[in-house]
N, C-alpha and C. Protein backbone atom coordinates (compact mmCIF):
# COMPACT_ATOMS: atom_id res chain seq x y z
N UNK A 1 -147.12 -136.28 -21.13
CA UNK A 1 -146.12 -135.42 -21.10
C UNK A 1 -146.56 -133.92 -21.18
N UNK A 2 -146.18 -132.93 -20.55
CA UNK A 2 -146.85 -131.47 -20.68
C UNK A 2 -146.06 -130.97 -21.57
N UNK A 3 -146.83 -129.97 -22.50
CA UNK A 3 -146.04 -129.13 -23.38
C UNK A 3 -145.47 -127.95 -22.87
N UNK A 4 -144.21 -127.75 -23.27
CA UNK A 4 -143.39 -126.60 -22.69
C UNK A 4 -144.22 -125.12 -23.18
N UNK A 5 -144.42 -124.22 -22.23
CA UNK A 5 -144.96 -123.09 -22.56
C UNK A 5 -144.04 -122.14 -23.16
N UNK A 6 -143.04 -122.47 -23.27
CA UNK A 6 -141.90 -121.32 -23.78
C UNK A 6 -141.42 -122.07 -25.19
N UNK A 7 -142.20 -122.46 -25.82
CA UNK A 7 -142.03 -122.98 -27.26
C UNK A 7 -141.62 -121.71 -28.04
N UNK A 8 -140.38 -122.13 -28.88
CA UNK A 8 -139.90 -121.02 -29.69
C UNK A 8 -140.71 -120.94 -31.04
N UNK A 9 -141.24 -119.68 -31.26
CA UNK A 9 -142.05 -119.70 -32.52
C UNK A 9 -141.08 -119.33 -33.80
N UNK A 10 -141.50 -119.80 -34.90
CA UNK A 10 -140.65 -119.28 -36.08
C UNK A 10 -140.78 -117.89 -36.27
N UNK A 11 -139.90 -117.32 -36.67
CA UNK A 11 -139.71 -115.66 -36.81
C UNK A 11 -141.07 -115.34 -37.64
N UNK A 12 -141.60 -116.06 -38.50
CA UNK A 12 -142.59 -115.71 -39.44
C UNK A 12 -144.00 -115.68 -38.58
N UNK A 13 -143.98 -116.25 -37.47
CA UNK A 13 -145.34 -116.32 -36.58
C UNK A 13 -145.12 -115.51 -35.49
N UNK A 14 -144.01 -114.64 -35.38
CA UNK A 14 -143.86 -113.57 -34.20
C UNK A 14 -144.73 -112.42 -34.61
N UNK A 15 -145.59 -112.09 -33.50
CA UNK A 15 -146.38 -110.82 -33.82
C UNK A 15 -145.81 -109.79 -32.65
N UNK A 16 -145.31 -108.57 -32.90
CA UNK A 16 -145.06 -107.71 -32.10
C UNK A 16 -146.10 -107.23 -31.38
N UNK A 17 -146.14 -107.31 -29.96
CA UNK A 17 -147.46 -106.98 -29.25
C UNK A 17 -147.55 -105.54 -29.21
N UNK A 18 -146.75 -104.63 -29.50
CA UNK A 18 -147.04 -103.18 -29.78
C UNK A 18 -147.48 -102.87 -31.12
N UNK A 19 -147.64 -103.91 -32.07
CA UNK A 19 -147.94 -103.48 -33.48
C UNK A 19 -149.42 -102.89 -33.50
N UNK A 20 -150.39 -103.18 -32.60
CA UNK A 20 -151.66 -102.84 -32.70
C UNK A 20 -152.06 -101.60 -31.52
N UNK A 21 -150.71 -101.16 -31.05
CA UNK A 21 -150.84 -100.09 -30.02
C UNK A 21 -151.38 -98.79 -30.43
N UNK A 22 -152.48 -98.30 -29.94
CA UNK A 22 -152.89 -96.97 -30.22
C UNK A 22 -152.39 -95.96 -29.25
N UNK A 23 -151.88 -95.07 -29.67
CA UNK A 23 -151.55 -94.02 -28.52
C UNK A 23 -152.61 -93.51 -27.91
N UNK A 24 -152.59 -92.95 -26.46
CA UNK A 24 -153.48 -92.38 -25.85
C UNK A 24 -154.08 -91.08 -26.82
N UNK A 25 -155.30 -90.72 -26.55
CA UNK A 25 -155.84 -89.60 -27.05
C UNK A 25 -156.13 -88.59 -25.93
N UNK A 26 -155.64 -87.54 -26.05
CA UNK A 26 -156.00 -86.59 -24.90
C UNK A 26 -157.11 -85.62 -25.18
N UNK A 27 -157.67 -85.14 -24.40
CA UNK A 27 -158.94 -84.19 -24.56
C UNK A 27 -158.50 -82.54 -24.58
N UNK A 28 -157.32 -82.47 -24.03
CA UNK A 28 -156.88 -81.02 -24.16
C UNK A 28 -155.28 -80.93 -24.00
N UNK A 29 -154.70 -79.85 -24.03
CA UNK A 29 -153.04 -79.90 -24.14
C UNK A 29 -152.78 -79.90 -22.67
N UNK A 30 -153.60 -79.56 -21.75
CA UNK A 30 -153.13 -79.61 -20.33
C UNK A 30 -152.90 -81.07 -19.91
N UNK A 31 -153.98 -81.82 -20.28
CA UNK A 31 -153.88 -83.31 -19.97
C UNK A 31 -152.89 -84.14 -20.70
N UNK A 32 -152.40 -83.77 -21.85
CA UNK A 32 -151.38 -84.32 -22.47
C UNK A 32 -149.97 -83.92 -21.67
N UNK A 33 -149.90 -82.67 -21.41
CA UNK A 33 -148.68 -82.26 -20.69
C UNK A 33 -148.47 -82.93 -19.50
N UNK A 34 -149.55 -83.17 -18.72
CA UNK A 34 -149.35 -83.87 -17.28
C UNK A 34 -149.07 -85.29 -17.36
N UNK A 35 -149.38 -85.92 -18.47
CA UNK A 35 -148.91 -87.20 -18.63
C UNK A 35 -147.64 -87.46 -19.60
N UNK A 36 -147.42 -86.62 -20.60
CA UNK A 36 -146.31 -86.73 -21.40
C UNK A 36 -145.06 -85.90 -20.99
N UNK A 37 -145.22 -84.82 -20.32
CA UNK A 37 -144.12 -84.10 -19.88
C UNK A 37 -143.58 -84.74 -18.55
N UNK A 38 -142.28 -84.61 -18.45
CA UNK A 38 -141.61 -85.18 -17.12
C UNK A 38 -141.67 -83.95 -16.16
N UNK A 39 -141.38 -84.38 -14.89
CA UNK A 39 -141.16 -83.35 -13.75
C UNK A 39 -140.27 -82.34 -14.17
N UNK A 40 -139.11 -82.84 -15.07
CA UNK A 40 -138.05 -81.60 -15.42
C UNK A 40 -138.68 -80.72 -16.21
N UNK A 41 -139.91 -80.61 -16.66
CA UNK A 41 -140.50 -79.66 -17.50
C UNK A 41 -141.12 -78.52 -16.66
N UNK A 42 -141.19 -78.73 -15.29
CA UNK A 42 -141.78 -77.79 -14.32
C UNK A 42 -140.42 -77.17 -13.69
N UNK A 43 -140.40 -75.95 -13.70
CA UNK A 43 -139.21 -75.32 -13.03
C UNK A 43 -139.00 -75.70 -11.67
N UNK A 44 -137.92 -76.35 -11.36
CA UNK A 44 -137.55 -76.82 -10.10
C UNK A 44 -136.29 -76.01 -9.54
N UNK A 45 -135.72 -75.13 -10.19
CA UNK A 45 -134.37 -74.59 -9.87
C UNK A 45 -134.73 -73.03 -9.95
N UNK A 46 -134.46 -72.25 -9.16
CA UNK A 46 -133.45 -72.62 -7.95
C UNK A 46 -133.93 -73.20 -6.93
N UNK A 47 -133.12 -73.66 -6.23
CA UNK A 47 -133.66 -74.38 -4.85
C UNK A 47 -132.44 -74.11 -3.69
N UNK A 48 -132.79 -74.14 -2.49
CA UNK A 48 -131.95 -73.85 -1.37
C UNK A 48 -131.70 -75.14 -0.67
N UNK A 49 -130.49 -75.54 -0.65
CA UNK A 49 -130.09 -76.85 0.03
C UNK A 49 -129.11 -76.46 1.26
N UNK A 50 -129.33 -76.98 2.44
CA UNK A 50 -128.34 -76.58 3.58
C UNK A 50 -127.95 -78.05 4.18
N UNK A 51 -126.79 -77.91 4.84
CA UNK A 51 -126.37 -79.09 5.45
C UNK A 51 -127.11 -79.55 6.89
N UNK A 52 -127.26 -80.69 7.22
CA UNK A 52 -128.04 -81.07 8.58
C UNK A 52 -127.53 -80.45 9.71
N UNK A 53 -126.07 -80.10 9.65
CA UNK A 53 -125.65 -79.44 10.88
C UNK A 53 -125.80 -77.94 11.01
N UNK A 54 -126.54 -77.37 10.16
CA UNK A 54 -126.64 -75.82 10.21
C UNK A 54 -127.59 -75.48 11.32
N UNK A 55 -127.11 -74.64 11.97
CA UNK A 55 -127.88 -74.29 13.18
C UNK A 55 -129.51 -73.79 12.90
N UNK A 56 -130.48 -74.21 13.55
CA UNK A 56 -131.85 -73.88 13.41
C UNK A 56 -131.87 -72.27 13.10
N UNK A 57 -131.35 -71.37 13.91
CA UNK A 57 -131.62 -69.97 13.76
C UNK A 57 -131.04 -69.47 12.13
N UNK A 58 -129.99 -70.14 11.81
CA UNK A 58 -129.71 -69.98 10.55
C UNK A 58 -130.60 -70.49 9.33
N UNK A 59 -131.02 -71.60 9.61
CA UNK A 59 -131.97 -72.16 8.68
C UNK A 59 -133.27 -71.31 8.68
N UNK A 60 -133.75 -70.80 9.67
CA UNK A 60 -134.97 -69.83 9.82
C UNK A 60 -134.59 -68.61 8.95
N UNK A 61 -133.51 -68.19 9.22
CA UNK A 61 -132.84 -66.95 8.50
C UNK A 61 -132.81 -67.00 7.11
N UNK A 62 -132.45 -68.17 6.56
CA UNK A 62 -132.40 -68.52 5.09
C UNK A 62 -133.80 -68.75 4.66
N UNK A 63 -134.77 -69.24 5.36
CA UNK A 63 -136.20 -69.30 4.81
C UNK A 63 -136.76 -67.83 4.82
N UNK A 64 -136.55 -66.95 5.78
CA UNK A 64 -136.80 -65.53 5.71
C UNK A 64 -136.26 -64.83 4.64
N UNK A 65 -135.04 -64.80 4.52
CA UNK A 65 -134.08 -63.99 3.45
C UNK A 65 -134.28 -64.51 2.11
N UNK A 66 -134.57 -65.72 2.04
CA UNK A 66 -134.76 -66.19 0.52
C UNK A 66 -136.17 -65.95 0.12
N UNK A 67 -137.02 -65.63 1.14
CA UNK A 67 -138.61 -65.65 0.82
C UNK A 67 -138.92 -66.92 0.37
N UNK A 68 -138.64 -68.14 1.17
CA UNK A 68 -139.15 -69.41 0.53
C UNK A 68 -139.83 -70.13 1.86
N UNK A 69 -140.45 -71.27 1.62
CA UNK A 69 -141.30 -71.91 2.49
C UNK A 69 -140.52 -73.40 2.91
N UNK A 70 -139.47 -73.67 2.00
CA UNK A 70 -138.91 -75.15 2.32
C UNK A 70 -137.29 -74.87 1.87
N UNK A 71 -136.67 -75.53 2.83
CA UNK A 71 -135.03 -75.78 2.59
C UNK A 71 -134.84 -77.29 2.62
N UNK A 72 -134.32 -77.66 1.45
CA UNK A 72 -133.82 -79.23 1.38
C UNK A 72 -132.49 -79.35 2.31
N UNK A 73 -132.69 -80.40 3.03
CA UNK A 73 -131.43 -80.70 3.95
C UNK A 73 -130.67 -81.91 3.19
N UNK A 74 -129.49 -81.60 2.91
CA UNK A 74 -128.81 -82.60 2.11
C UNK A 74 -127.41 -82.57 2.61
N UNK A 75 -126.77 -83.79 2.12
CA UNK A 75 -125.38 -84.07 2.38
C UNK A 75 -124.73 -84.69 1.20
N UNK A 76 -123.69 -84.28 0.62
CA UNK A 76 -123.07 -85.01 -0.48
C UNK A 76 -124.13 -85.15 -1.67
N UNK A 77 -125.00 -84.10 -1.71
CA UNK A 77 -126.07 -83.97 -2.85
C UNK A 77 -127.37 -85.11 -2.65
N UNK A 78 -127.31 -85.81 -1.33
CA UNK A 78 -128.20 -86.64 -1.15
C UNK A 78 -129.29 -86.03 -0.19
N UNK A 79 -130.57 -86.14 -0.49
CA UNK A 79 -131.60 -85.76 0.36
C UNK A 79 -131.60 -86.47 1.54
N UNK A 80 -131.82 -85.71 2.62
CA UNK A 80 -132.05 -86.22 4.13
C UNK A 80 -133.21 -85.89 4.59
N UNK A 81 -133.61 -84.76 4.24
CA UNK A 81 -134.90 -84.20 4.83
C UNK A 81 -135.25 -82.95 4.31
N UNK A 82 -136.41 -82.27 4.77
CA UNK A 82 -136.86 -80.78 4.27
C UNK A 82 -136.91 -80.22 5.66
N UNK A 83 -136.87 -78.78 5.68
CA UNK A 83 -137.41 -78.03 6.68
C UNK A 83 -138.14 -76.89 6.30
N UNK A 84 -139.38 -76.91 6.64
CA UNK A 84 -140.41 -76.01 6.16
C UNK A 84 -140.85 -75.23 7.26
N UNK A 85 -141.76 -74.17 6.91
CA UNK A 85 -142.43 -73.37 7.67
C UNK A 85 -143.22 -74.12 8.76
N UNK A 86 -143.84 -75.05 8.37
CA UNK A 86 -144.60 -76.28 9.08
C UNK A 86 -143.95 -76.50 10.33
N UNK A 87 -142.52 -77.08 10.08
CA UNK A 87 -141.65 -77.55 10.97
C UNK A 87 -141.34 -76.39 12.03
N UNK A 88 -141.20 -75.19 11.47
CA UNK A 88 -141.08 -74.07 12.49
C UNK A 88 -142.29 -74.04 13.44
N UNK A 89 -143.46 -74.02 12.93
CA UNK A 89 -144.60 -73.98 13.74
C UNK A 89 -144.96 -74.98 14.64
N UNK A 90 -144.64 -76.23 14.12
CA UNK A 90 -145.09 -77.52 14.85
C UNK A 90 -143.93 -77.86 15.87
N UNK A 91 -142.66 -77.71 15.54
CA UNK A 91 -141.62 -78.09 16.36
C UNK A 91 -140.76 -77.25 17.02
N UNK A 92 -141.13 -75.85 16.80
CA UNK A 92 -140.22 -74.96 17.43
C UNK A 92 -140.83 -73.83 18.15
N UNK A 93 -142.30 -73.62 17.89
CA UNK A 93 -143.01 -72.58 18.59
C UNK A 93 -142.92 -72.99 20.18
N UNK A 94 -142.51 -71.90 20.86
CA UNK A 94 -142.33 -71.78 22.31
C UNK A 94 -141.23 -72.56 22.67
N UNK A 95 -140.15 -73.23 21.84
CA UNK A 95 -138.97 -73.81 22.27
C UNK A 95 -137.85 -73.26 21.61
N UNK A 96 -138.05 -72.27 20.90
CA UNK A 96 -136.88 -71.74 20.00
C UNK A 96 -135.74 -71.09 20.55
N UNK A 97 -135.95 -70.35 21.81
CA UNK A 97 -134.76 -69.87 22.66
C UNK A 97 -133.79 -71.13 22.92
N UNK A 98 -134.34 -72.23 23.36
CA UNK A 98 -133.46 -73.38 23.68
C UNK A 98 -133.04 -74.26 22.72
N UNK A 99 -133.75 -74.01 21.47
CA UNK A 99 -133.48 -74.76 20.20
C UNK A 99 -132.64 -73.97 19.23
N UNK A 100 -132.54 -72.84 19.20
CA UNK A 100 -132.05 -72.05 18.10
C UNK A 100 -130.67 -72.39 17.62
N UNK A 101 -129.76 -72.95 18.61
CA UNK A 101 -128.44 -73.36 18.11
C UNK A 101 -128.21 -74.78 17.84
N UNK A 102 -129.46 -75.59 17.94
CA UNK A 102 -129.14 -76.94 17.80
C UNK A 102 -129.18 -77.24 16.13
N UNK A 103 -128.81 -78.36 15.65
CA UNK A 103 -128.72 -78.57 14.25
C UNK A 103 -130.06 -78.74 13.71
N UNK A 104 -130.22 -78.21 12.38
CA UNK A 104 -131.65 -78.23 11.82
C UNK A 104 -132.03 -79.85 11.61
N UNK A 105 -131.23 -80.58 11.56
CA UNK A 105 -131.46 -82.10 11.31
C UNK A 105 -132.46 -82.71 12.57
N UNK A 106 -132.24 -81.88 13.57
CA UNK A 106 -133.12 -82.24 14.88
C UNK A 106 -134.65 -81.92 14.63
N UNK A 107 -134.91 -81.07 13.95
CA UNK A 107 -136.25 -80.66 13.72
C UNK A 107 -136.80 -80.70 12.26
N UNK A 108 -135.97 -81.11 11.26
CA UNK A 108 -136.38 -81.30 9.76
C UNK A 108 -137.34 -82.57 9.79
N UNK A 109 -138.09 -82.61 8.79
CA UNK A 109 -138.96 -83.73 8.44
C UNK A 109 -138.12 -84.76 7.50
N UNK A 110 -137.69 -85.87 8.24
CA UNK A 110 -136.80 -86.78 7.52
C UNK A 110 -137.49 -87.72 6.53
N UNK A 111 -136.69 -88.07 5.59
CA UNK A 111 -137.14 -88.97 4.56
C UNK A 111 -138.31 -88.50 3.77
N UNK A 112 -138.39 -87.32 3.27
CA UNK A 112 -139.54 -86.87 2.62
C UNK A 112 -139.89 -87.47 1.12
N UNK A 113 -141.21 -87.50 0.89
CA UNK A 113 -141.60 -87.98 -0.46
C UNK A 113 -141.08 -87.08 -1.37
N UNK A 114 -140.56 -87.64 -2.50
CA UNK A 114 -139.89 -86.86 -3.43
C UNK A 114 -140.26 -87.57 -4.93
N UNK A 115 -139.84 -86.76 -6.06
CA UNK A 115 -140.32 -87.44 -7.30
C UNK A 115 -138.92 -87.46 -8.18
N UNK A 116 -138.74 -88.01 -8.99
CA UNK A 116 -137.68 -88.03 -10.05
C UNK A 116 -137.94 -87.23 -11.00
N UNK A 117 -136.92 -86.49 -11.87
CA UNK A 117 -137.16 -85.46 -12.73
C UNK A 117 -137.53 -86.24 -13.83
N UNK A 118 -137.54 -87.62 -14.03
CA UNK A 118 -137.94 -88.40 -15.18
C UNK A 118 -139.46 -88.65 -15.04
N UNK A 119 -140.02 -88.56 -13.63
CA UNK A 119 -141.48 -88.87 -13.38
C UNK A 119 -142.46 -88.06 -14.24
N UNK A 120 -143.52 -88.30 -14.52
CA UNK A 120 -144.63 -87.55 -15.27
C UNK A 120 -144.78 -86.27 -14.27
N UNK A 121 -145.15 -85.31 -14.84
CA UNK A 121 -145.45 -84.01 -14.17
C UNK A 121 -146.90 -84.36 -13.25
N UNK A 122 -147.58 -85.19 -13.67
CA UNK A 122 -148.88 -85.74 -13.04
C UNK A 122 -148.33 -86.36 -11.80
N UNK A 123 -147.34 -87.04 -11.66
CA UNK A 123 -146.58 -87.59 -10.41
C UNK A 123 -146.30 -86.55 -9.50
N UNK A 124 -145.86 -85.46 -9.82
CA UNK A 124 -145.61 -84.40 -8.79
C UNK A 124 -146.85 -84.06 -8.35
N UNK A 125 -147.77 -83.59 -9.21
CA UNK A 125 -149.03 -83.13 -8.70
C UNK A 125 -150.02 -84.01 -7.66
N UNK A 126 -149.64 -85.33 -8.11
CA UNK A 126 -150.38 -86.33 -7.45
C UNK A 126 -149.66 -86.49 -5.76
N UNK A 127 -148.32 -86.26 -5.81
CA UNK A 127 -147.78 -86.22 -4.40
C UNK A 127 -148.32 -84.99 -3.65
N UNK A 128 -148.36 -83.79 -4.23
CA UNK A 128 -148.79 -82.73 -3.64
C UNK A 128 -150.43 -82.74 -3.04
N UNK A 129 -151.13 -83.45 -4.17
CA UNK A 129 -152.75 -83.33 -3.69
C UNK A 129 -152.88 -84.65 -2.83
N UNK A 130 -152.39 -85.48 -3.12
CA UNK A 130 -152.76 -86.77 -2.18
C UNK A 130 -152.17 -86.95 -1.07
N UNK A 131 -150.80 -86.37 -0.76
CA UNK A 131 -150.04 -86.57 0.40
C UNK A 131 -150.06 -85.21 1.18
N UNK A 132 -150.52 -84.18 0.57
CA UNK A 132 -150.64 -82.75 1.10
C UNK A 132 -149.56 -81.98 1.29
N UNK A 133 -148.40 -82.31 0.48
CA UNK A 133 -147.30 -81.55 0.65
C UNK A 133 -147.13 -80.38 -0.19
N UNK A 134 -146.68 -79.40 0.07
CA UNK A 134 -146.65 -78.17 -0.77
C UNK A 134 -145.31 -78.13 -1.51
N UNK A 135 -144.52 -78.74 -0.93
CA UNK A 135 -143.05 -78.63 -1.64
C UNK A 135 -142.70 -80.01 -1.63
N UNK A 136 -142.33 -80.37 -3.11
CA UNK A 136 -141.84 -81.91 -3.31
C UNK A 136 -140.49 -81.64 -3.84
N UNK A 137 -139.47 -82.25 -3.16
CA UNK A 137 -138.05 -82.36 -3.75
C UNK A 137 -137.90 -83.32 -4.98
N UNK A 138 -136.95 -82.77 -5.95
CA UNK A 138 -136.86 -83.52 -7.20
C UNK A 138 -135.25 -84.14 -7.33
N UNK A 139 -135.40 -85.27 -7.60
CA UNK A 139 -134.07 -85.85 -7.59
C UNK A 139 -133.82 -86.53 -8.86
N UNK A 140 -132.41 -86.55 -9.43
CA UNK A 140 -132.07 -87.09 -10.80
C UNK A 140 -131.99 -88.62 -10.59
N UNK A 141 -131.75 -89.41 -11.65
CA UNK A 141 -131.91 -90.86 -11.57
C UNK A 141 -130.56 -91.28 -10.65
N UNK A 142 -129.76 -90.67 -10.41
CA UNK A 142 -128.54 -90.99 -9.48
C UNK A 142 -128.94 -90.68 -8.03
N UNK A 143 -130.19 -90.29 -7.81
CA UNK A 143 -130.65 -89.93 -6.42
C UNK A 143 -129.95 -88.67 -5.80
N UNK A 144 -129.48 -87.69 -6.74
CA UNK A 144 -129.06 -86.54 -6.21
C UNK A 144 -130.06 -85.39 -6.37
N UNK A 145 -130.02 -84.57 -5.42
CA UNK A 145 -130.97 -83.42 -5.18
C UNK A 145 -130.66 -82.45 -6.57
N UNK A 146 -131.85 -82.28 -7.34
CA UNK A 146 -131.66 -81.23 -8.48
C UNK A 146 -132.68 -80.41 -8.31
N UNK A 147 -133.63 -80.32 -7.46
CA UNK A 147 -134.68 -79.20 -7.31
C UNK A 147 -135.76 -79.51 -6.42
N UNK A 148 -136.83 -78.45 -6.48
CA UNK A 148 -137.85 -78.69 -5.84
C UNK A 148 -139.05 -78.02 -6.47
N UNK A 149 -140.02 -78.80 -6.36
CA UNK A 149 -141.46 -78.25 -7.13
C UNK A 149 -142.44 -77.60 -5.92
N UNK A 150 -143.08 -76.53 -6.19
CA UNK A 150 -143.77 -75.88 -5.34
C UNK A 150 -145.03 -75.47 -6.05
N UNK A 151 -146.01 -74.99 -5.40
CA UNK A 151 -147.42 -74.68 -5.63
C UNK A 151 -147.29 -73.55 -6.86
N UNK A 152 -146.42 -72.64 -6.83
CA UNK A 152 -146.34 -71.39 -7.75
C UNK A 152 -145.69 -71.93 -8.91
N UNK A 153 -144.71 -72.96 -8.78
CA UNK A 153 -144.19 -73.50 -10.12
C UNK A 153 -145.12 -74.51 -10.78
N UNK A 154 -145.83 -75.26 -10.12
CA UNK A 154 -146.78 -76.03 -10.86
C UNK A 154 -147.71 -75.23 -11.44
N UNK A 155 -148.21 -74.25 -10.87
CA UNK A 155 -149.17 -73.36 -11.37
C UNK A 155 -148.73 -72.73 -12.73
N UNK A 156 -147.58 -72.34 -12.78
CA UNK A 156 -146.92 -71.68 -13.93
C UNK A 156 -146.78 -72.66 -15.16
N UNK A 157 -146.46 -73.95 -14.62
CA UNK A 157 -146.58 -74.96 -15.69
C UNK A 157 -147.84 -75.16 -16.26
N UNK A 158 -148.86 -75.37 -15.35
CA UNK A 158 -150.08 -75.65 -15.76
C UNK A 158 -150.89 -74.49 -16.70
N UNK A 159 -150.54 -73.29 -16.25
CA UNK A 159 -150.96 -71.97 -17.07
C UNK A 159 -150.37 -71.95 -18.44
N UNK A 160 -149.15 -72.43 -18.47
CA UNK A 160 -148.43 -72.58 -19.60
C UNK A 160 -149.24 -73.39 -20.93
N UNK A 161 -149.69 -74.50 -20.27
CA UNK A 161 -150.34 -75.47 -21.10
C UNK A 161 -151.86 -75.30 -21.14
N UNK A 162 -152.40 -74.57 -20.27
CA UNK A 162 -153.79 -74.25 -20.37
C UNK A 162 -153.94 -73.36 -21.42
N UNK A 163 -153.08 -72.14 -21.51
CA UNK A 163 -153.28 -71.36 -22.51
C UNK A 163 -152.87 -71.80 -23.90
N UNK A 164 -152.34 -72.84 -23.97
CA UNK A 164 -152.05 -73.43 -25.17
C UNK A 164 -153.22 -73.98 -25.93
N UNK A 165 -154.29 -74.34 -25.11
CA UNK A 165 -155.60 -74.95 -25.46
C UNK A 165 -156.56 -74.26 -26.02
């Protein structure tokens, strides 16, 4: 007969697996901030979100008027895509006159990579560095759009923690 692996131990024999846990030791404040601070610690607001049926010429006017490089495309606070300067260059150059009144959803980048505001700050930097995205949408735990991180915002976050060291 085989012994059960799920034997119940008397409470006196139970050892908490975290009782010998040593917290990580960081070499500097920036390293600690990247691992310990959530994405919410990086400024992600304000951000610009537009509906998917917005005409392309209005989306482009928003990019120029707000002096930003990325619009979040959303409906009912749910992320559908992003519309960036790169989309303008890659998908509209030479076709703008025939596309200007079409909905931005036709040229947006659908299903973009995003981070949750509860993820570590390092997760946002990883998405930017590894995936090559300059703008990363931020969602809350209900999958609602709450912001966007950009190179400038990440730099400000890093600078704050670099100067602390």
